């Protein structure tokens, strides 16, 4: 299964408008076809501001292997959280199923 991962490119200090345009064209041409890139201003007045490009790329084999190692633990933690919420809300899963109202794990 391949999934897309959100990644970022921070543009360094560009001296001129032409330099910025050239850098943006270079970045655009290097992105995968399904990237859906966005440009945003990031930072603040204390640490400085910079342009960042966020885009989607296919997950690497190493990232997929790491995800698979933790997938079961993540699923179990989500189920525990769902159970805790159902208990907190006084939600009975058996009667909820028959009434069509049921909490479920999303994401």
N, C-alpha and C. Protein backbone atom coordinates (compact mmCIF):
# COMPACT_ATOMS: atom_id res chain seq x y z
N UNK A 1 0.85 -1.18 0.00
CA UNK A 1 0.00 0.00 0.00
C UNK A 1 0.89 1.23 0.00
N UNK A 2 0.64 2.14 -0.90
CA UNK A 2 1.40 3.37 -0.98
C UNK A 2 0.54 4.50 -0.44
N UNK A 3 1.15 5.33 0.39
CA UNK A 3 0.41 6.48 0.86
C UNK A 3 1.26 7.72 0.65
N UNK A 4 0.61 8.87 0.63
CA UNK A 4 1.33 10.12 0.42
C UNK A 4 1.72 10.72 1.76
N UNK A 5 2.90 11.32 1.79
CA UNK A 5 3.45 11.93 2.99
C UNK A 5 3.62 13.41 2.73
N UNK A 6 3.23 14.24 3.70
CA UNK A 6 3.41 15.68 3.52
C UNK A 6 4.84 16.03 3.90
N UNK A 7 5.53 16.72 3.02
CA UNK A 7 6.92 17.11 3.23
C UNK A 7 7.04 18.61 3.00
N UNK A 8 8.16 19.18 3.42
CA UNK A 8 8.35 20.62 3.33
C UNK A 8 9.70 20.95 2.71
N UNK A 9 9.74 22.04 1.99
CA UNK A 9 10.98 22.62 1.49
C UNK A 9 10.98 24.06 1.97
N UNK A 10 12.03 24.46 2.65
CA UNK A 10 12.15 25.85 3.06
C UNK A 10 13.09 26.55 2.10
N UNK A 11 12.65 27.67 1.59
CA UNK A 11 13.48 28.43 0.68
C UNK A 11 14.41 29.33 1.49
N UNK A 12 15.67 29.31 1.16
CA UNK A 12 16.65 30.16 1.85
C UNK A 12 16.44 31.62 1.48
N UNK A 13 17.33 32.44 1.93
CA UNK A 13 17.25 33.86 1.61
C UNK A 13 17.48 34.06 0.12
N UNK A 14 16.49 34.59 -0.53
CA UNK A 14 16.62 34.90 -1.96
C UNK A 14 16.90 36.39 -2.06
N UNK A 15 17.93 36.73 -2.76
CA UNK A 15 18.37 38.12 -2.84
C UNK A 15 17.44 38.95 -3.72
N UNK A 16 16.95 38.37 -4.80
CA UNK A 16 16.15 39.15 -5.73
C UNK A 16 14.87 38.40 -6.09
N UNK A 17 13.96 39.10 -6.71
CA UNK A 17 12.74 38.49 -7.18
C UNK A 17 13.06 37.43 -8.23
N UNK A 18 13.99 37.75 -9.11
CA UNK A 18 14.40 36.77 -10.13
C UNK A 18 14.96 35.50 -9.49
N UNK A 19 15.76 35.66 -8.43
CA UNK A 19 16.32 34.51 -7.73
C UNK A 19 15.23 33.65 -7.11
N UNK A 20 14.21 34.29 -6.53
CA UNK A 20 13.08 33.58 -5.93
C UNK A 20 12.30 32.82 -7.01
N UNK A 21 12.04 33.48 -8.13
CA UNK A 21 11.30 32.84 -9.22
C UNK A 21 12.06 31.64 -9.75
N UNK A 22 13.36 31.77 -9.93
CA UNK A 22 14.17 30.65 -10.42
C UNK A 22 14.13 29.48 -9.44
N UNK A 23 14.23 29.77 -8.15
CA UNK A 23 14.19 28.73 -7.13
C UNK A 23 12.83 28.02 -7.14
N UNK A 24 11.74 28.80 -7.23
CA UNK A 24 10.40 28.21 -7.26
C UNK A 24 10.20 27.32 -8.48
N UNK A 25 10.71 27.75 -9.64
CA UNK A 25 10.60 26.94 -10.86
C UNK A 25 11.39 25.64 -10.69
N UNK A 26 12.57 25.75 -10.10
CA UNK A 26 13.41 24.56 -9.85
C UNK A 26 12.69 23.58 -8.93
N UNK A 27 12.08 24.09 -7.87
CA UNK A 27 11.36 23.23 -6.93
C UNK A 27 10.15 22.60 -7.61
N UNK A 28 9.38 23.41 -8.34
CA UNK A 28 8.19 22.89 -9.03
C UNK A 28 8.54 21.76 -9.98
N UNK A 29 9.62 21.92 -10.73
CA UNK A 29 10.00 20.91 -11.71
C UNK A 29 10.51 19.62 -11.06
N UNK A 30 10.92 19.69 -9.78
CA UNK A 30 11.45 18.50 -9.11
C UNK A 30 10.38 17.72 -8.34
N UNK A 31 9.17 18.28 -8.21
CA UNK A 31 8.11 17.63 -7.43
C UNK A 31 7.43 16.52 -8.21
N UNK A 32 6.95 15.47 -7.50
CA UNK A 32 6.18 14.42 -8.18
C UNK A 32 4.85 14.97 -8.71
N UNK A 33 4.26 14.28 -9.66
CA UNK A 33 3.04 14.74 -10.32
C UNK A 33 1.86 14.95 -9.39
N UNK A 34 1.71 14.12 -8.34
CA UNK A 34 0.57 14.21 -7.44
C UNK A 34 0.87 15.06 -6.20
N UNK A 35 1.84 15.95 -6.28
CA UNK A 35 2.36 16.67 -5.11
C UNK A 35 1.38 17.67 -4.49
N UNK A 36 0.52 18.32 -5.26
CA UNK A 36 -0.39 19.35 -4.76
C UNK A 36 0.35 20.38 -3.90
N UNK A 37 1.36 21.06 -4.45
CA UNK A 37 2.18 21.96 -3.64
C UNK A 37 1.44 23.23 -3.20
N UNK A 38 1.82 23.73 -2.01
CA UNK A 38 1.30 24.99 -1.48
C UNK A 38 2.47 25.81 -0.97
N UNK A 39 2.41 27.12 -1.15
CA UNK A 39 3.45 28.02 -0.64
C UNK A 39 2.86 28.80 0.52
N UNK A 40 3.61 28.85 1.64
CA UNK A 40 3.15 29.59 2.82
C UNK A 40 4.30 30.36 3.43
N UNK A 41 3.96 31.47 4.06
CA UNK A 41 4.93 32.21 4.85
C UNK A 41 4.91 31.61 6.24
N UNK A 42 6.09 31.25 6.75
CA UNK A 42 6.19 30.65 8.07
C UNK A 42 7.14 31.48 8.92
N UNK A 43 7.05 31.27 10.22
CA UNK A 43 7.95 31.95 11.14
C UNK A 43 7.28 33.10 11.86
N UNK A 44 8.10 33.92 12.51
CA UNK A 44 7.57 35.06 13.26
C UNK A 44 8.61 36.18 13.28
N UNK A 45 8.27 37.28 13.98
CA UNK A 45 9.16 38.44 14.01
C UNK A 45 10.43 38.18 14.82
N UNK A 46 10.39 37.25 15.75
CA UNK A 46 11.56 36.98 16.59
C UNK A 46 12.58 36.12 15.85
N UNK A 47 12.12 35.02 15.28
CA UNK A 47 13.04 34.08 14.64
C UNK A 47 13.14 34.28 13.13
N UNK A 48 12.37 35.20 12.60
CA UNK A 48 12.42 35.48 11.17
C UNK A 48 11.32 34.75 10.41
N UNK A 49 11.08 35.22 9.23
CA UNK A 49 10.06 34.63 8.37
C UNK A 49 10.74 34.00 7.15
N UNK A 50 10.11 32.99 6.61
CA UNK A 50 10.63 32.36 5.42
C UNK A 50 9.48 31.70 4.65
N UNK A 51 9.71 31.48 3.39
CA UNK A 51 8.73 30.79 2.56
C UNK A 51 8.95 29.29 2.68
N UNK A 52 7.88 28.56 2.79
CA UNK A 52 7.96 27.10 2.84
C UNK A 52 6.97 26.53 1.83
N UNK A 53 7.40 25.49 1.14
CA UNK A 53 6.55 24.80 0.19
C UNK A 53 6.21 23.44 0.78
N UNK A 54 4.93 23.18 0.96
CA UNK A 54 4.52 21.86 1.43
C UNK A 54 3.95 21.11 0.23
N UNK A 55 4.22 19.82 0.20
CA UNK A 55 3.77 19.01 -0.92
C UNK A 55 3.65 17.55 -0.46
N UNK A 56 2.94 16.77 -1.25
CA UNK A 56 2.78 15.35 -0.97
C UNK A 56 3.71 14.55 -1.87
N UNK A 57 4.29 13.53 -1.28
CA UNK A 57 5.17 12.62 -2.01
C UNK A 57 4.85 11.20 -1.58
N UNK A 58 5.18 10.22 -2.42
CA UNK A 58 4.96 8.83 -2.02
C UNK A 58 5.83 8.48 -0.80
N UNK A 59 5.30 7.63 0.04
CA UNK A 59 6.02 7.18 1.22
C UNK A 59 7.18 6.28 0.80
N UNK A 60 8.33 6.46 1.43
CA UNK A 60 9.48 5.61 1.12
C UNK A 60 9.30 4.24 1.77
N UNK A 61 10.07 3.27 1.30
CA UNK A 61 10.01 1.92 1.86
C UNK A 61 10.39 1.94 3.34
N UNK A 62 11.36 2.75 3.70
CA UNK A 62 11.79 2.86 5.10
C UNK A 62 10.68 3.43 5.97
N UNK A 63 9.97 4.46 5.48
CA UNK A 63 8.85 5.03 6.22
C UNK A 63 7.71 4.03 6.37
N UNK A 64 7.44 3.28 5.31
CA UNK A 64 6.37 2.28 5.35
C UNK A 64 6.70 1.18 6.35
N UNK A 65 7.97 0.77 6.39
CA UNK A 65 8.39 -0.27 7.33
C UNK A 65 8.26 0.23 8.76
N UNK A 66 8.62 1.48 9.00
CA UNK A 66 8.49 2.07 10.34
C UNK A 66 7.02 2.16 10.73
N UNK A 67 6.17 2.62 9.82
CA UNK A 67 4.73 2.69 10.08
C UNK A 67 4.16 1.32 10.43
N UNK A 68 4.60 0.29 9.69
CA UNK A 68 4.05 -1.05 9.92
C UNK A 68 4.45 -1.57 11.30
N UNK A 69 5.62 -1.17 11.79
CA UNK A 69 6.06 -1.60 13.12
C UNK A 69 5.15 -1.08 14.21
N UNK A 70 4.63 0.12 14.01
CA UNK A 70 3.83 0.77 15.06
C UNK A 70 2.33 0.74 14.78
N UNK A 71 1.91 0.17 13.66
CA UNK A 71 0.49 0.19 13.28
C UNK A 71 -0.40 -0.51 14.31
N UNK A 72 0.02 -1.66 14.78
CA UNK A 72 -0.80 -2.41 15.74
C UNK A 72 -0.90 -1.66 17.07
N UNK A 73 0.20 -1.10 17.55
CA UNK A 73 0.18 -0.35 18.80
C UNK A 73 -0.72 0.88 18.66
N UNK A 74 -0.66 1.54 17.51
CA UNK A 74 -1.50 2.70 17.26
C UNK A 74 -2.98 2.30 17.25
N UNK A 75 -3.30 1.18 16.58
CA UNK A 75 -4.69 0.71 16.53
C UNK A 75 -5.20 0.40 17.93
N UNK A 76 -4.37 -0.26 18.74
CA UNK A 76 -4.77 -0.59 20.11
C UNK A 76 -4.99 0.66 20.95
N UNK A 77 -4.13 1.66 20.78
CA UNK A 77 -4.30 2.90 21.56
C UNK A 77 -5.59 3.61 21.15
N UNK A 78 -5.92 3.58 19.85
CA UNK A 78 -7.18 4.18 19.38
C UNK A 78 -8.39 3.44 19.95
N UNK A 79 -8.31 2.11 20.01
CA UNK A 79 -9.42 1.33 20.57
C UNK A 79 -9.58 1.61 22.06
N UNK A 80 -8.46 1.75 22.80
CA UNK A 80 -8.55 2.08 24.22
C UNK A 80 -9.18 3.46 24.41
N UNK A 81 -8.79 4.41 23.58
CA UNK A 81 -9.35 5.76 23.67
C UNK A 81 -10.84 5.74 23.35
N UNK A 82 -11.24 4.97 22.34
CA UNK A 82 -12.66 4.85 21.99
C UNK A 82 -13.43 4.24 23.15
N UNK A 83 -12.89 3.21 23.75
CA UNK A 83 -13.55 2.56 24.89
C UNK A 83 -13.68 3.53 26.06
N UNK A 84 -12.62 4.31 26.31
CA UNK A 84 -12.65 5.29 27.40
C UNK A 84 -13.73 6.33 27.14
N UNK A 85 -13.82 6.81 25.91
CA UNK A 85 -14.84 7.81 25.57
C UNK A 85 -16.25 7.24 25.70
N UNK A 86 -16.43 5.99 25.27
CA UNK A 86 -17.75 5.36 25.39
C UNK A 86 -18.13 5.21 26.85
N UNK A 87 -17.17 4.82 27.70
CA UNK A 87 -17.43 4.71 29.13
C UNK A 87 -17.77 6.07 29.73
N UNK A 88 -17.02 7.09 29.33
CA UNK A 88 -17.23 8.44 29.85
C UNK A 88 -18.60 8.98 29.46
N UNK A 89 -19.04 8.64 28.26
CA UNK A 89 -20.33 9.12 27.77
C UNK A 89 -21.49 8.21 28.17
N UNK A 90 -21.17 7.09 28.80
CA UNK A 90 -22.23 6.15 29.17
C UNK A 90 -22.84 5.51 27.94
N UNK A 91 -22.02 5.27 26.97
CA UNK A 91 -22.45 4.76 25.67
C UNK A 91 -22.34 3.25 25.67
N UNK A 92 -23.45 2.56 25.47
CA UNK A 92 -23.45 1.11 25.44
C UNK A 92 -23.34 0.65 23.98
N UNK A 93 -22.19 0.07 23.57
CA UNK A 93 -22.00 -0.29 22.17
C UNK A 93 -23.03 -1.26 21.62
N UNK A 94 -23.54 -2.20 22.44
CA UNK A 94 -24.51 -3.19 21.96
C UNK A 94 -25.82 -2.51 21.57
N UNK A 95 -26.38 -1.68 22.47
CA UNK A 95 -27.64 -1.00 22.15
C UNK A 95 -27.43 0.06 21.08
N UNK A 96 -26.23 0.63 21.02
CA UNK A 96 -25.94 1.64 20.01
C UNK A 96 -25.96 1.03 18.61
N UNK A 97 -25.47 -0.19 18.49
CA UNK A 97 -25.46 -0.84 17.18
C UNK A 97 -26.88 -1.05 16.67
N UNK A 98 -27.76 -1.48 17.56
CA UNK A 98 -29.13 -1.75 17.13
C UNK A 98 -29.87 -0.46 16.79
N UNK A 99 -29.48 0.66 17.41
CA UNK A 99 -30.17 1.92 17.13
C UNK A 99 -29.51 2.68 15.97
N UNK A 100 -28.37 2.16 15.48
CA UNK A 100 -27.69 2.84 14.38
C UNK A 100 -26.72 3.91 14.86
N UNK A 101 -26.65 4.15 16.18
CA UNK A 101 -25.72 5.14 16.74
C UNK A 101 -24.54 4.40 17.34
N UNK A 102 -23.38 4.66 16.81
CA UNK A 102 -22.20 3.97 17.31
C UNK A 102 -20.98 4.84 17.10
N UNK A 103 -20.15 4.93 18.14
CA UNK A 103 -18.87 5.62 17.99
C UNK A 103 -17.94 4.69 17.25
N UNK A 104 -17.10 5.25 16.38
CA UNK A 104 -16.14 4.42 15.69
C UNK A 104 -14.84 5.15 15.51
N UNK A 105 -13.79 4.41 15.30
CA UNK A 105 -12.46 4.98 15.11
C UNK A 105 -12.36 5.52 13.70
N UNK A 106 -11.89 6.76 13.59
CA UNK A 106 -11.69 7.38 12.27
C UNK A 106 -10.25 7.85 12.22
N UNK A 107 -9.58 7.61 11.11
CA UNK A 107 -8.18 8.01 10.87
C UNK A 107 -7.33 6.93 11.36
